[in-house]
């Protein structure tokens, strides 16, 4: 009887440790990647100067992307994979106070002033122009 009680206690302790590790793992930050571009880019509506003045825009800074054109404003980059020809497969994490999730997209650097983001899930494409 004593041996079965010890096994029960060891199993319970192991489950508690595993549950704690899983909770910690879910709450710890993921090692971030850096975006292949930096700076402020406005949603391209034809007139770059006006788009940059009025917005909306995205700011790329290290491993963070700030977007004032949607419901989520702060993204953390998780991975960037260079697909060649100035095209990158990107995964970002977000948390807006109510929801936590990730978004994957293709980032294409058309030239020094123009980017294109193609959101994988929705199929939406966003054209961006660099602000001064």
Protein backbone atom coordinates (compact mmCIF):
# COMPACT_ATOMS: atom_id res chain seq x y z
CA UNK A 1 0.00 0.00 0.00
CA UNK A 2 2.83 2.35 0.81
CA UNK A 3 4.46 1.75 -2.59
CA UNK A 4 1.23 2.58 -4.44
CA UNK A 5 0.85 5.78 -2.42
CA UNK A 6 4.42 6.80 -3.31
CA UNK A 7 3.75 6.17 -7.02
CA UNK A 8 0.57 8.24 -6.78
CA UNK A 9 2.45 11.11 -5.14
CA UNK A 10 5.27 10.96 -7.72
CA UNK A 11 2.78 10.97 -10.61
CA UNK A 12 0.90 13.89 -9.07
CA UNK A 13 4.11 15.85 -8.57
CA UNK A 14 5.20 15.12 -12.14
CA UNK A 15 1.83 16.33 -13.50
CA UNK A 16 2.02 19.51 -11.42
CA UNK A 17 5.55 20.19 -12.69
CA UNK A 18 4.54 19.54 -16.31
CA UNK A 19 1.49 21.80 -15.99
CA UNK A 20 3.63 24.54 -14.46
CA UNK A 21 6.22 24.22 -17.21
CA UNK A 22 3.51 24.38 -19.87
CA UNK A 23 2.05 27.53 -18.30
CA UNK A 24 5.46 29.16 -18.08
CA UNK A 25 6.29 28.18 -21.63
CA UNK A 26 3.08 29.79 -22.90
CA UNK A 27 3.81 33.02 -21.08
CA UNK A 28 7.46 33.48 -21.90
CA UNK A 29 8.45 35.69 -24.81
CA UNK A 30 9.50 34.05 -28.03
CA UNK A 31 12.92 34.94 -29.39
CA UNK A 32 12.27 37.67 -31.88
CA UNK A 33 13.55 38.19 -35.38
CA UNK A 34 14.27 41.58 -36.88
CA UNK A 35 12.29 42.90 -39.83
CA UNK A 36 14.25 43.18 -43.08
CA UNK A 37 13.23 46.85 -43.31
CA UNK A 38 13.00 49.69 -40.79
CA UNK A 39 11.09 52.95 -40.73
CA UNK A 40 7.63 54.38 -41.33
CA UNK A 41 5.49 53.29 -44.28
CA UNK A 42 2.01 54.65 -45.08
CA UNK A 43 -0.78 52.76 -46.76
CA UNK A 44 -0.24 53.69 -50.41
CA UNK A 45 -3.21 55.60 -51.83
CA UNK A 46 -1.42 57.16 -54.80
CA UNK A 47 -0.03 60.33 -53.20
CA UNK A 48 2.88 59.39 -50.91
CA UNK A 49 3.18 62.77 -49.20
CA UNK A 50 -0.51 62.89 -48.34
CA UNK A 51 -0.59 59.23 -47.29
CA UNK A 52 2.31 59.84 -44.89
CA UNK A 53 0.67 62.97 -43.47
CA UNK A 54 -2.81 61.51 -43.01
CA UNK A 55 -2.11 57.77 -42.53
CA UNK A 56 -2.79 55.07 -41.69
CA UNK A 57 0.80 53.86 -41.45
CA UNK A 58 3.05 51.08 -40.18
CA UNK A 59 6.27 51.61 -38.26
CA UNK A 60 8.89 48.86 -38.43
CA UNK A 61 11.39 49.08 -35.56
CA UNK A 62 13.68 46.17 -34.76
CA UNK A 63 11.41 43.25 -33.84
CA UNK A 64 8.26 45.40 -33.46
CA UNK A 65 5.70 46.63 -35.95
CA UNK A 66 3.17 49.31 -35.08
CA UNK A 67 0.10 49.58 -37.31
CA UNK A 68 -2.49 52.33 -36.84
CA UNK A 69 -4.61 51.03 -39.74
CA UNK A 70 -6.37 48.13 -38.04
CA UNK A 71 -7.71 46.66 -34.81
CA UNK A 72 -4.29 45.50 -33.60
CA UNK A 73 -1.64 48.17 -33.20
CA UNK A 74 1.41 46.38 -31.77
CA UNK A 75 3.02 43.29 -33.28
CA UNK A 76 6.13 41.35 -32.22
CA UNK A 77 8.06 39.57 -34.91
CA UNK A 78 8.71 35.87 -34.37
CA UNK A 79 10.32 34.81 -37.61
CA UNK A 80 11.48 36.11 -40.97
CA UNK A 81 12.42 33.68 -43.72
CA UNK A 82 14.11 35.05 -46.85
CA UNK A 83 12.32 33.51 -49.84
CA UNK A 84 14.66 35.27 -52.28
CA UNK A 85 14.03 38.11 -54.73
CA UNK A 86 13.34 40.58 -51.87
CA UNK A 87 10.44 38.48 -50.60
CA UNK A 88 10.11 37.30 -46.99
CA UNK A 89 7.79 34.93 -45.14
CA UNK A 90 6.99 36.66 -41.85
CA UNK A 91 5.20 35.56 -38.66
CA UNK A 92 4.17 38.10 -36.01
CA UNK A 93 2.50 37.72 -32.62
CA UNK A 94 -0.01 40.21 -31.28
CA UNK A 95 -1.98 40.93 -28.12
CA UNK A 96 -4.53 43.73 -28.04
CA UNK A 97 -5.81 43.35 -24.48
CA UNK A 98 -8.65 41.06 -25.53
CA UNK A 99 -7.14 38.61 -27.98
CA UNK A 100 -3.77 37.00 -28.51
CA UNK A 101 -2.77 35.49 -31.81
CA UNK A 102 -0.37 35.33 -34.69
CA UNK A 103 -0.44 36.54 -38.24
CA UNK A 104 1.62 35.23 -41.14
CA UNK A 105 2.22 37.13 -44.34
CA UNK A 106 4.53 37.65 -47.26
CA UNK A 107 6.52 40.89 -47.21
CA UNK A 108 7.86 41.98 -50.57
CA UNK A 109 10.29 44.88 -50.88
CA UNK A 110 9.48 46.26 -54.32
CA UNK A 111 12.11 49.01 -54.10
CA UNK A 112 13.54 51.41 -51.52
CA UNK A 113 10.21 53.25 -51.25
CA UNK A 114 7.55 50.57 -51.75
CA UNK A 115 6.49 47.44 -49.84
CA UNK A 116 3.72 44.96 -50.36
CA UNK A 117 2.23 42.83 -47.59
CA UNK A 118 0.09 39.85 -48.54
CA UNK A 119 -1.80 38.41 -45.56
CA UNK A 120 -1.85 34.63 -45.89
CA UNK A 121 -5.13 33.93 -44.07
CA UNK A 122 -7.38 36.60 -45.55
CA UNK A 123 -5.63 37.00 -48.89
CA UNK A 124 -5.67 40.79 -48.42
CA UNK A 125 -2.81 42.79 -49.95
CA UNK A 126 -1.57 46.07 -48.47
CA UNK A 127 0.67 48.35 -50.52
CA UNK A 128 2.92 50.65 -48.50
CA UNK A 129 5.04 53.68 -49.36
CA UNK A 130 8.03 54.91 -47.32
CA UNK A 131 7.60 58.15 -45.38
CA UNK A 132 10.44 60.64 -44.96
